[in-house]
Amino acid sequence: MSKESTPDAAAAARHARYGRLPERIRFEDMTEEVEAGPSGVKTAYDPEGSWKYYSCLALDVGL
């Protein structure tokens, strides 16, 4: 019941079924360097404007 197969036969069967693997993508092609913008304007805490983003389930339900 044992099926005799060599590594070359298995590799040939894989190649016949799936074909060739795509070329490897270089790490330099996957990443991009972006200069960071000035911090402070969008990330600063604004206590007077923080109520705009406050979420409360009791207020949403109307209690």
N, C-alpha and C. Protein backbone atom coordinates (compact mmCIF):
# COMPACT_ATOMS: atom_id res chain seq x y z
N MET A 1 0.80 -1.20 0.00
CA MET A 1 0.00 0.00 0.00
C MET A 1 0.84 1.26 0.00
N SER A 2 2.13 1.13 0.22
CA SER A 2 2.95 2.33 0.25
C SER A 2 3.21 2.82 -1.17
N LYS A 3 3.04 4.08 -1.33
CA LYS A 3 3.27 4.70 -2.63
C LYS A 3 4.69 5.24 -2.66
N GLU A 4 5.45 4.80 -3.64
CA GLU A 4 6.83 5.26 -3.74
C GLU A 4 6.87 6.56 -4.52
N SER A 5 7.42 7.59 -3.90
CA SER A 5 7.59 8.86 -4.60
C SER A 5 8.91 9.47 -4.17
N THR A 6 9.58 10.02 -5.11
CA THR A 6 10.85 10.66 -4.82
C THR A 6 10.60 12.15 -4.63
N PRO A 7 11.53 12.83 -3.99
CA PRO A 7 11.36 14.28 -3.83
C PRO A 7 11.26 15.00 -5.17
N ASP A 8 11.96 14.48 -6.19
CA ASP A 8 11.89 15.10 -7.51
C ASP A 8 10.51 14.93 -8.13
N ALA A 9 9.90 13.78 -7.92
CA ALA A 9 8.57 13.54 -8.46
C ALA A 9 7.54 14.43 -7.76
N ALA A 10 7.70 14.58 -6.45
CA ALA A 10 6.78 15.44 -5.71
C ALA A 10 6.95 16.89 -6.13
N ALA A 11 8.18 17.32 -6.34
CA ALA A 11 8.43 18.68 -6.78
C ALA A 11 7.87 18.90 -8.18
N ALA A 12 8.00 17.90 -9.05
CA ALA A 12 7.46 18.03 -10.41
C ALA A 12 5.93 18.08 -10.37
N ALA A 13 5.32 17.33 -9.48
CA ALA A 13 3.86 17.35 -9.36
C ALA A 13 3.39 18.71 -8.85
N ARG A 14 4.10 19.28 -7.86
CA ARG A 14 3.74 20.62 -7.37
C ARG A 14 3.89 21.66 -8.45
N HIS A 15 4.97 21.56 -9.19
CA HIS A 15 5.22 22.54 -10.25
C HIS A 15 4.17 22.42 -11.35
N ALA A 16 3.74 21.22 -11.66
CA ALA A 16 2.71 21.02 -12.68
C ALA A 16 1.36 21.56 -12.19
N ARG A 17 1.11 21.43 -10.91
CA ARG A 17 -0.19 21.88 -10.39
C ARG A 17 -0.23 23.39 -10.14
N TYR A 18 0.80 23.93 -9.51
CA TYR A 18 0.78 25.33 -9.09
C TYR A 18 1.62 26.26 -9.96
N GLY A 19 2.50 25.72 -10.73
CA GLY A 19 3.35 26.57 -11.55
C GLY A 19 4.51 27.14 -10.75
N ARG A 20 4.97 28.29 -11.17
CA ARG A 20 6.13 28.92 -10.55
C ARG A 20 5.69 29.95 -9.53
N LEU A 21 6.45 30.07 -8.48
CA LEU A 21 6.17 31.10 -7.48
C LEU A 21 6.52 32.47 -8.04
N PRO A 22 5.81 33.51 -7.62
CA PRO A 22 6.18 34.86 -8.06
C PRO A 22 7.53 35.26 -7.49
N GLU A 23 8.14 36.21 -8.12
CA GLU A 23 9.44 36.68 -7.66
C GLU A 23 9.30 37.32 -6.28
N ARG A 24 10.33 37.20 -5.48
CA ARG A 24 10.32 37.76 -4.14
C ARG A 24 10.38 39.29 -4.21
N ILE A 25 9.58 39.94 -3.40
CA ILE A 25 9.55 41.40 -3.36
C ILE A 25 10.61 41.86 -2.37
N ARG A 26 11.43 42.81 -2.80
CA ARG A 26 12.48 43.31 -1.92
C ARG A 26 11.88 44.15 -0.80
N PHE A 27 12.57 44.20 0.33
CA PHE A 27 12.09 44.97 1.47
C PHE A 27 12.02 46.45 1.14
N GLU A 28 12.97 46.94 0.34
CA GLU A 28 12.98 48.35 -0.03
C GLU A 28 11.75 48.72 -0.85
N ASP A 29 11.19 47.77 -1.59
CA ASP A 29 10.00 48.03 -2.39
C ASP A 29 8.73 47.98 -1.55
N MET A 30 8.79 47.36 -0.38
CA MET A 30 7.60 47.25 0.47
C MET A 30 7.46 48.42 1.44
N THR A 31 8.51 49.17 1.66
CA THR A 31 8.47 50.25 2.63
C THR A 31 8.64 51.59 1.93
N GLU A 32 8.17 52.61 2.59
CA GLU A 32 8.30 53.96 2.05
C GLU A 32 8.63 54.89 3.21
N GLU A 33 9.61 55.71 3.01
CA GLU A 33 9.98 56.67 4.04
C GLU A 33 9.19 57.96 3.81
N VAL A 34 8.54 58.41 4.86
CA VAL A 34 7.74 59.63 4.80
C VAL A 34 8.21 60.53 5.93
N GLU A 35 8.46 61.76 5.61
CA GLU A 35 8.89 62.70 6.62
C GLU A 35 7.71 63.06 7.51
N ALA A 36 7.93 63.02 8.80
CA ALA A 36 6.87 63.32 9.75
C ALA A 36 6.54 64.80 9.70
N GLY A 37 5.26 65.10 9.80
CA GLY A 37 4.81 66.49 9.78
C GLY A 37 5.03 67.16 11.11
N PRO A 38 4.79 68.44 11.18
CA PRO A 38 4.95 69.14 12.45
C PRO A 38 3.91 68.66 13.46
N SER A 39 4.36 68.39 14.65
CA SER A 39 3.43 67.92 15.67
C SER A 39 2.88 69.10 16.45
N GLY A 40 1.74 68.88 17.06
CA GLY A 40 1.20 69.91 17.92
C GLY A 40 -0.17 70.38 17.49
N VAL A 41 -0.41 70.56 16.22
CA VAL A 41 -1.67 71.15 15.79
C VAL A 41 -2.81 70.15 15.91
N LYS A 42 -2.67 68.97 15.35
CA LYS A 42 -3.77 68.01 15.36
C LYS A 42 -3.74 67.11 16.57
N THR A 43 -2.59 66.92 17.16
CA THR A 43 -2.48 65.97 18.26
C THR A 43 -2.56 66.64 19.62
N ALA A 44 -2.65 67.95 19.67
CA ALA A 44 -2.67 68.65 20.96
C ALA A 44 -4.03 68.44 21.64
N TYR A 45 -4.01 68.38 22.94
CA TYR A 45 -5.23 68.23 23.72
C TYR A 45 -5.93 69.57 23.83
N ASP A 46 -7.20 69.58 23.50
CA ASP A 46 -8.00 70.79 23.57
C ASP A 46 -9.13 70.55 24.58
N PRO A 47 -9.01 71.05 25.83
CA PRO A 47 -10.04 70.76 26.82
C PRO A 47 -11.41 71.35 26.47
N GLU A 48 -11.44 72.47 25.77
CA GLU A 48 -12.72 73.07 25.43
C GLU A 48 -13.42 72.33 24.29
N GLY A 49 -12.65 71.71 23.42
CA GLY A 49 -13.24 70.97 22.31
C GLY A 49 -13.38 69.49 22.56
N SER A 50 -12.99 69.02 23.74
CA SER A 50 -13.04 67.59 24.00
C SER A 50 -14.46 67.08 24.17
N TRP A 51 -15.41 67.93 24.48
CA TRP A 51 -16.79 67.49 24.65
C TRP A 51 -17.38 67.02 23.33
N LYS A 52 -16.82 67.42 22.24
CA LYS A 52 -17.34 67.00 20.92
C LYS A 52 -17.17 65.51 20.70
N TYR A 53 -16.18 64.93 21.34
CA TYR A 53 -15.88 63.52 21.14
C TYR A 53 -16.30 62.66 22.32
N TYR A 54 -17.06 63.25 23.23
CA TYR A 54 -17.49 62.51 24.41
C TYR A 54 -18.66 61.64 24.04
N SER A 55 -18.59 60.37 24.40
CA SER A 55 -19.66 59.44 24.12
C SER A 55 -20.13 58.83 25.41
N CYS A 56 -21.42 58.90 25.64
CA CYS A 56 -22.00 58.35 26.86
C CYS A 56 -23.27 57.60 26.47
N LEU A 57 -23.39 56.36 26.89
CA LEU A 57 -24.55 55.56 26.54
C LEU A 57 -25.82 56.14 27.12
N ALA A 58 -25.77 56.70 28.33
CA ALA A 58 -26.97 57.29 28.94
C ALA A 58 -27.45 58.49 28.10
N LEU A 59 -26.53 59.28 27.58
CA LEU A 59 -26.94 60.40 26.73
C LEU A 59 -27.48 59.93 25.39
N ASP A 60 -26.90 58.86 24.85
CA ASP A 60 -27.37 58.33 23.57
C ASP A 60 -28.78 57.77 23.70
N VAL A 61 -29.08 57.13 24.82
CA VAL A 61 -30.40 56.54 25.03
C VAL A 61 -31.41 57.62 25.38
N GLY A 62 -30.97 58.69 25.96
CA GLY A 62 -31.87 59.79 26.32
C GLY A 62 -32.24 59.80 27.78
N LEU A 63 -31.42 59.20 28.60
CA LEU A 63 -31.72 59.18 30.04
C LEU A 63 -31.23 60.42 30.73
